[in-house]
Amino acid sequence: MKKHLHIYLFVVLAWMAASCSKSETGGPADEDDAQQGEPTFVVASYNILHDTQDIPDHFKWTKRKDLLTKQVIDNQVDILCIQEDQANQATDIQRATGLQIAGTSKRILYNGKRFLMRSQGQFYLSETPEKSSYGWDAAAIRLCNWVLFNDSHTGRDFFVFNAHFDHIGPVAREQSALLMKQRIDFMTNGQPVIMTGDMNARPGERPIITLTSFLNDSRTISETVPKGPMGTYNGRSTQGEFTARIDYVFASNHIRVKEYAVLQDETDGIFPSDHFPVVTKLELK
């Protein structure tokens, strides 16, 4: 009887250990347990323009926030990566949309009903990435916020990196792109990657050449015709052709880009920001 009891306990303990391991590693067994749902999800990159005293009265955050949150809601954005964000702005977006917040700068807001945040962190775009610091010839302290997500619809893990490159220093932009490549290669171990942000660089310039050497420009590989203007910067003016393309969603080869759009919505003669949001519909292969 004791022999049979020992065998029974061994089997139970082995089963419990396997279950714990399956949950912690996020391996293939997680996919079996996932509640299969819609595999596509919407990711947007949006420089929302800071909320500071130097903004003209007609363009204050109080005038713009409802326009901006309406865009997020209407386009059913699942993961919203914002730049120039301040705490009060992120809170306003969270309250209006129900998205959860990851990070304290370059925040990543996400649909917590679908996505589980496995881990989160940040690093600075400088020679000393682990501490707050100016990088190279940058005019401001710049950083990247990142999250490792698990998708409950598919059981798959993927990384999201959200960055804002310097607007003044060309060396800082080039070196920031090289640092992003180094960090992503080291951290992700071949897992799916989405990178978003205001790169302050146009296609064909060195930072974008570096980033597209290991990630795909979502506009280029979209399976449907891109919508909206080519440019993503409007300078708070509703007049113009908008050709300055400096905001991006990049994706690794693990990801299909089903749709790509730059939203050009305006209300009462103003845009929600001096940048247009880049909105993509993605699917893990």
Protein backbone atom coordinates (compact mmCIF):
# COMPACT_ATOMS: atom_id res chain seq x y z
CA MET A 1 0.00 0.00 0.00
CA LYS A 2 2.82 2.42 0.88
CA LYS A 3 4.51 1.63 -2.43
CA HIS A 4 1.36 2.53 -4.37
CA LEU A 5 0.93 5.70 -2.30
CA HIS A 6 4.50 6.81 -3.06
CA ILE A 7 3.95 6.25 -6.78
CA TYR A 8 0.71 8.22 -6.64
CA LEU A 9 2.38 11.15 -4.84
CA PHE A 10 5.26 11.12 -7.33
CA VAL A 11 2.84 11.33 -10.26
CA VAL A 12 0.88 14.19 -8.64
CA LEU A 13 4.04 16.15 -7.84
CA ALA A 14 5.39 15.65 -11.34
CA TRP A 15 2.11 16.87 -12.81
CA MET A 16 2.16 19.96 -10.56
CA ALA A 17 5.75 20.75 -11.50
CA ALA A 18 4.96 20.46 -15.20
CA SER A 19 1.95 22.73 -14.78
CA CYS A 20 4.00 25.39 -12.99
CA SER A 21 6.75 25.18 -15.58
CA LYS A 22 4.23 25.54 -18.39
CA SER A 23 2.77 28.68 -16.81
CA GLU A 24 6.10 30.32 -16.05
CA THR A 25 7.87 29.74 -19.33
CA GLY A 26 5.05 30.71 -21.65
CA GLY A 27 6.03 27.84 -23.95
CA PRO A 28 3.93 25.97 -26.50
CA ALA A 29 1.71 24.47 -23.82
CA ASP A 30 0.37 27.97 -23.13
CA GLU A 31 -0.98 28.04 -26.67
CA ASP A 32 -3.02 24.92 -25.95
CA ASP A 33 -4.59 26.63 -22.94
CA ALA A 34 -5.28 29.92 -24.74
CA GLN A 35 -8.84 30.91 -25.44
CA GLN A 36 -8.67 31.06 -29.20
CA GLY A 37 -9.98 34.37 -30.46
CA GLU A 38 -9.39 36.98 -33.15
CA PRO A 39 -5.66 36.71 -33.97
CA THR A 40 -5.26 40.26 -35.27
CA PHE A 41 -4.73 43.25 -32.99
CA VAL A 42 -4.30 46.98 -33.52
CA VAL A 43 -1.07 48.76 -32.58
CA ALA A 44 -0.64 52.53 -32.85
CA SER A 45 2.28 54.90 -32.43
CA TYR A 46 1.28 58.41 -31.42
CA ASN A 47 3.29 61.48 -30.45
CA ILE A 48 0.49 63.18 -28.52
CA LEU A 49 2.30 66.54 -27.93
CA HIS A 50 3.15 67.44 -24.35
CA ASP A 51 0.84 69.39 -22.07
CA THR A 52 2.88 72.48 -21.16
CA GLN A 53 2.39 76.22 -20.75
CA ASP A 54 3.98 77.09 -24.10
CA ILE A 55 1.17 75.44 -26.09
CA PRO A 56 -1.26 78.02 -27.59
CA ASP A 57 -4.66 78.19 -25.91
CA HIS A 58 -6.54 76.80 -28.89
CA PHE A 59 -4.24 73.77 -28.89
CA LYS A 60 -4.12 73.01 -25.16
CA TRP A 61 -4.52 69.39 -24.07
CA THR A 62 -7.97 70.19 -22.69
CA LYS A 63 -9.03 71.14 -26.24
CA ARG A 64 -7.43 68.08 -27.85
CA LYS A 65 -7.86 65.14 -25.50
CA ASP A 66 -11.41 64.23 -26.50
CA LEU A 67 -10.45 64.27 -30.18
CA LEU A 68 -7.46 62.07 -29.48
CA THR A 69 -9.21 59.52 -27.29
CA LYS A 70 -12.03 59.29 -29.84
CA GLN A 71 -9.46 58.22 -32.43
CA VAL A 72 -8.18 55.50 -30.13
CA ILE A 73 -11.69 54.23 -29.37
CA ASP A 74 -13.02 54.47 -32.93
CA ASN A 75 -10.04 52.54 -34.31
CA GLN A 76 -10.23 49.90 -31.56
CA VAL A 77 -6.57 50.30 -30.66
CA ASP A 78 -5.32 47.41 -28.50
CA ILE A 79 -1.79 48.69 -27.87
CA LEU A 80 -1.14 52.45 -27.89
CA CYS A 81 2.48 53.60 -27.77
CA ILE A 82 2.73 57.31 -26.98
CA GLN A 83 5.53 59.87 -26.97
CA GLU A 84 5.83 63.31 -25.33
CA ASP A 85 3.42 61.86 -22.79
CA GLN A 86 2.91 63.29 -19.35
CA ALA A 87 1.24 61.53 -16.44
CA ASN A 88 -2.00 63.53 -16.60
CA GLN A 89 -2.31 62.86 -20.34
CA ALA A 90 -1.82 59.12 -19.90
CA THR A 91 -4.39 59.10 -17.10
CA ASP A 92 -6.92 60.94 -19.27
CA ILE A 93 -6.43 58.42 -22.08
CA GLN A 94 -6.72 55.51 -19.66
CA ARG A 95 -9.97 56.82 -18.18
CA ALA A 96 -11.52 57.37 -21.60
CA THR A 97 -10.42 54.11 -23.21
CA GLY A 98 -10.06 51.61 -20.37
CA LEU A 99 -6.53 50.73 -21.50
CA GLN A 100 -3.93 49.89 -18.86
CA ILE A 101 -0.61 51.76 -18.56
CA ALA A 102 2.91 50.32 -18.63
CA GLY A 103 5.87 52.56 -17.84
CA THR A 104 6.33 56.15 -16.68
CA SER A 105 7.55 57.69 -19.95
CA LYS A 106 7.06 56.65 -23.56
CA ARG A 107 4.13 54.83 -22.02
CA ILE A 108 2.57 51.77 -23.59
CA LEU A 109 -1.18 51.53 -23.00
CA TYR A 110 -2.77 48.17 -23.65
CA ASN A 111 -5.96 46.13 -23.56
CA GLY A 112 -5.60 44.32 -20.24
CA LYS A 113 -8.53 42.04 -21.01
CA ARG A 114 -6.55 40.45 -23.83
CA PHE A 115 -2.88 41.03 -23.07
CA LEU A 116 -0.91 40.00 -19.98
CA MET A 117 2.22 42.00 -19.18
CA ARG A 118 4.88 39.40 -18.38
CA SER A 119 7.69 41.91 -17.79
CA GLN A 120 8.46 45.58 -18.36
CA GLY A 121 11.43 47.95 -18.27
CA GLN A 122 13.24 50.84 -19.85
CA PHE A 123 16.70 51.92 -20.96
CA TYR A 124 18.16 55.27 -21.91
CA LEU A 125 19.31 56.12 -25.42
CA SER A 126 22.84 57.04 -24.40
CA GLU A 127 26.29 55.65 -23.74
CA THR A 128 25.04 54.69 -20.25
CA PRO A 129 21.67 53.05 -20.94
CA GLU A 130 21.03 51.95 -17.35
CA LYS A 131 20.93 55.47 -15.88
CA SER A 132 19.21 58.71 -16.79
CA SER A 133 21.62 60.46 -19.13
CA TYR A 134 22.03 62.56 -22.25
CA GLY A 135 23.26 60.57 -25.23
CA TRP A 136 25.93 61.78 -27.63
CA ASP A 137 24.81 65.17 -29.10
CA ALA A 138 21.19 64.91 -27.93
CA ALA A 139 19.36 68.01 -26.71
CA ALA A 140 17.17 66.00 -24.32
CA ILE A 141 17.32 62.82 -22.26
CA ARG A 142 15.79 60.08 -24.40
CA LEU A 143 14.68 56.58 -23.50
CA CYS A 144 12.95 53.44 -24.68
CA ASN A 145 10.11 51.78 -22.73
CA TRP A 146 9.48 48.07 -23.40
CA VAL A 147 6.98 45.38 -22.46
CA LEU A 148 6.87 41.62 -22.95
CA PHE A 149 3.23 40.70 -23.58
CA ASN A 150 1.32 37.43 -23.71
CA ASP A 151 -1.72 37.33 -25.99
CA SER A 152 -4.60 35.39 -24.43
CA HIS A 153 -6.14 34.82 -27.87
CA THR A 154 -3.17 32.85 -29.15
CA GLY A 155 -0.98 32.08 -26.13
CA ARG A 156 1.93 33.77 -27.90
CA ASP A 157 4.49 36.12 -26.35
CA PHE A 158 5.85 39.20 -28.10
CA PHE A 159 7.84 42.32 -27.25
CA VAL A 160 6.86 45.96 -27.78
CA PHE A 161 9.53 48.68 -27.71
CA ASN A 162 8.51 52.35 -27.74
CA ALA A 163 11.14 55.06 -28.27
CA HIS A 164 11.56 58.74 -29.09
CA PHE A 165 14.81 59.69 -30.83
CA ASP A 166 16.33 63.14 -30.35
CA HIS A 167 15.13 65.98 -32.57
CA ILE A 168 18.44 67.88 -32.64
CA GLY A 169 21.41 65.50 -32.55
CA PRO A 170 22.09 63.49 -35.74
CA VAL A 171 24.74 61.42 -33.99
CA ALA A 172 22.29 60.66 -31.17
CA ARG A 173 19.68 59.45 -33.66
CA GLU A 174 22.18 57.21 -35.46
CA GLN A 175 23.59 55.80 -32.24
CA SER A 176 20.11 55.33 -30.76
CA ALA A 177 19.16 53.16 -33.73
CA LEU A 178 22.30 51.06 -33.27
CA LEU A 179 21.56 50.72 -29.55
CA MET A 180 18.00 49.63 -30.31
CA LYS A 181 19.33 46.91 -32.61
CA GLN A 182 21.81 45.74 -29.98
CA ARG A 183 19.24 45.67 -27.17
CA ILE A 184 16.50 44.01 -29.21
CA ASP A 185 18.87 41.32 -30.48
CA PHE A 186 20.08 40.63 -26.94
CA MET A 187 16.74 40.81 -25.09
CA THR A 188 14.26 39.08 -27.36
CA ASN A 189 16.08 35.84 -28.22
CA GLY A 190 14.31 35.54 -31.56
CA GLN A 191 10.79 36.24 -30.25
CA PRO A 192 8.35 38.49 -32.17
CA VAL A 193 9.09 42.20 -31.88
CA ILE A 194 7.13 45.39 -32.50
CA MET A 195 8.98 48.69 -32.28
CA THR A 196 7.19 52.02 -32.39
CA GLY A 197 8.09 55.64 -32.01
CA ASP A 198 8.93 59.10 -33.21
CA MET A 199 12.32 58.58 -34.81
CA ASN A 200 12.78 62.19 -35.98
CA ALA A 201 14.20 60.66 -39.17
CA ARG A 202 12.76 59.99 -42.60
CA PRO A 203 12.97 56.83 -44.71
CA GLY A 204 16.38 56.57 -46.33
CA GLU A 205 18.17 58.34 -43.50
CA ARG A 206 20.73 56.40 -41.49
CA PRO A 207 18.65 55.70 -38.36
CA ILE A 208 15.85 54.20 -40.46
CA ILE A 209 18.30 52.24 -42.59
CA THR A 210 19.68 50.71 -39.38
CA LEU A 211 16.24 49.87 -37.99
CA THR A 212 15.02 48.33 -41.25
CA SER A 213 18.15 46.17 -41.43
CA PHE A 214 16.54 43.89 -38.80
CA LEU A 215 12.88 45.00 -38.62
CA ASN A 216 10.27 45.65 -41.29
CA ASP A 217 8.68 49.03 -41.91
CA SER A 218 4.96 48.28 -41.51
CA ARG A 219 3.99 50.66 -44.29
CA THR A 220 6.23 48.84 -46.75
CA ILE A 221 4.93 45.35 -45.99
CA SER A 222 1.24 46.14 -45.44
CA GLU A 223 -0.94 43.54 -47.16
CA THR A 224 -3.45 46.25 -48.04
CA VAL A 225 -2.87 49.67 -49.59
CA PRO A 226 -1.72 52.15 -46.91
CA LYS A 227 -4.31 54.79 -46.02
CA GLY A 228 -3.81 58.46 -45.24
CA PRO A 229 -0.98 60.85 -46.04
CA MET A 230 2.64 59.77 -46.41
CA GLY A 231 3.75 62.23 -43.74
CA THR A 232 3.12 61.88 -40.01
CA TYR A 233 4.07 65.39 -38.82
CA ASN A 234 1.70 68.32 -39.31
CA GLY A 235 3.26 71.07 -37.19
CA ARG A 236 -0.21 72.01 -35.82
CA SER A 237 -1.24 73.25 -39.25
CA THR A 238 -4.17 71.77 -41.15
CA GLN A 239 -2.76 73.11 -44.43
CA GLY A 240 -0.18 71.25 -46.50
CA GLU A 241 0.62 67.95 -48.16
CA PHE A 242 2.16 66.39 -45.03
CA THR A 243 5.24 64.66 -46.43
CA ALA A 244 7.42 64.57 -43.28
CA ARG A 245 7.31 60.92 -42.28
CA ILE A 246 9.06 60.49 -38.93
CA ASP A 247 6.72 58.21 -36.92
CA TYR A 248 6.80 54.43 -37.38
CA VAL A 249 5.61 50.99 -36.45
CA PHE A 250 8.27 48.37 -37.18
CA ALA A 251 7.74 44.62 -36.97
CA SER A 252 9.93 41.52 -37.02
CA ASN A 253 9.52 38.77 -39.61
CA HIS A 254 7.21 36.90 -37.19
CA ILE A 255 4.45 39.45 -37.83
CA ARG A 256 2.06 40.12 -40.70
CA VAL A 257 0.91 43.69 -41.30
CA LYS A 258 -2.69 43.42 -42.43
CA GLU A 259 -3.43 47.16 -42.54
CA TYR A 260 -1.54 50.46 -42.22
CA ALA A 261 -3.03 53.93 -41.85
CA VAL A 262 -2.02 57.47 -40.91
CA LEU A 263 -5.08 59.17 -39.40
CA GLN A 264 -5.72 62.74 -40.51
CA ASP A 265 -8.79 63.52 -38.41
CA GLU A 266 -9.49 67.11 -37.42
CA THR A 267 -12.25 68.81 -35.47
CA ASP A 268 -13.03 72.53 -35.27
CA GLY A 269 -9.96 73.33 -37.34
CA ILE A 270 -7.37 71.53 -35.19
CA PHE A 271 -5.72 68.14 -35.15
CA PRO A 272 -5.49 66.16 -31.88
CA SER A 273 -1.68 66.57 -31.98
CA ASP A 274 1.12 68.00 -34.09
CA HIS A 275 1.75 64.41 -35.22
CA PHE A 276 -0.66 62.02 -36.88
CA PRO A 277 -1.06 58.57 -35.32
CA VAL A 278 0.27 55.57 -37.22
CA VAL A 279 -2.28 52.76 -36.82
CA THR A 280 -1.57 49.17 -37.88
CA LYS A 281 -3.47 45.90 -37.76
CA LEU A 282 -1.03 43.08 -37.03
CA GLU A 283 -1.08 39.31 -36.73
CA LEU A 284 1.56 36.94 -35.39
CA LYS A 285 2.55 34.34 -38.00
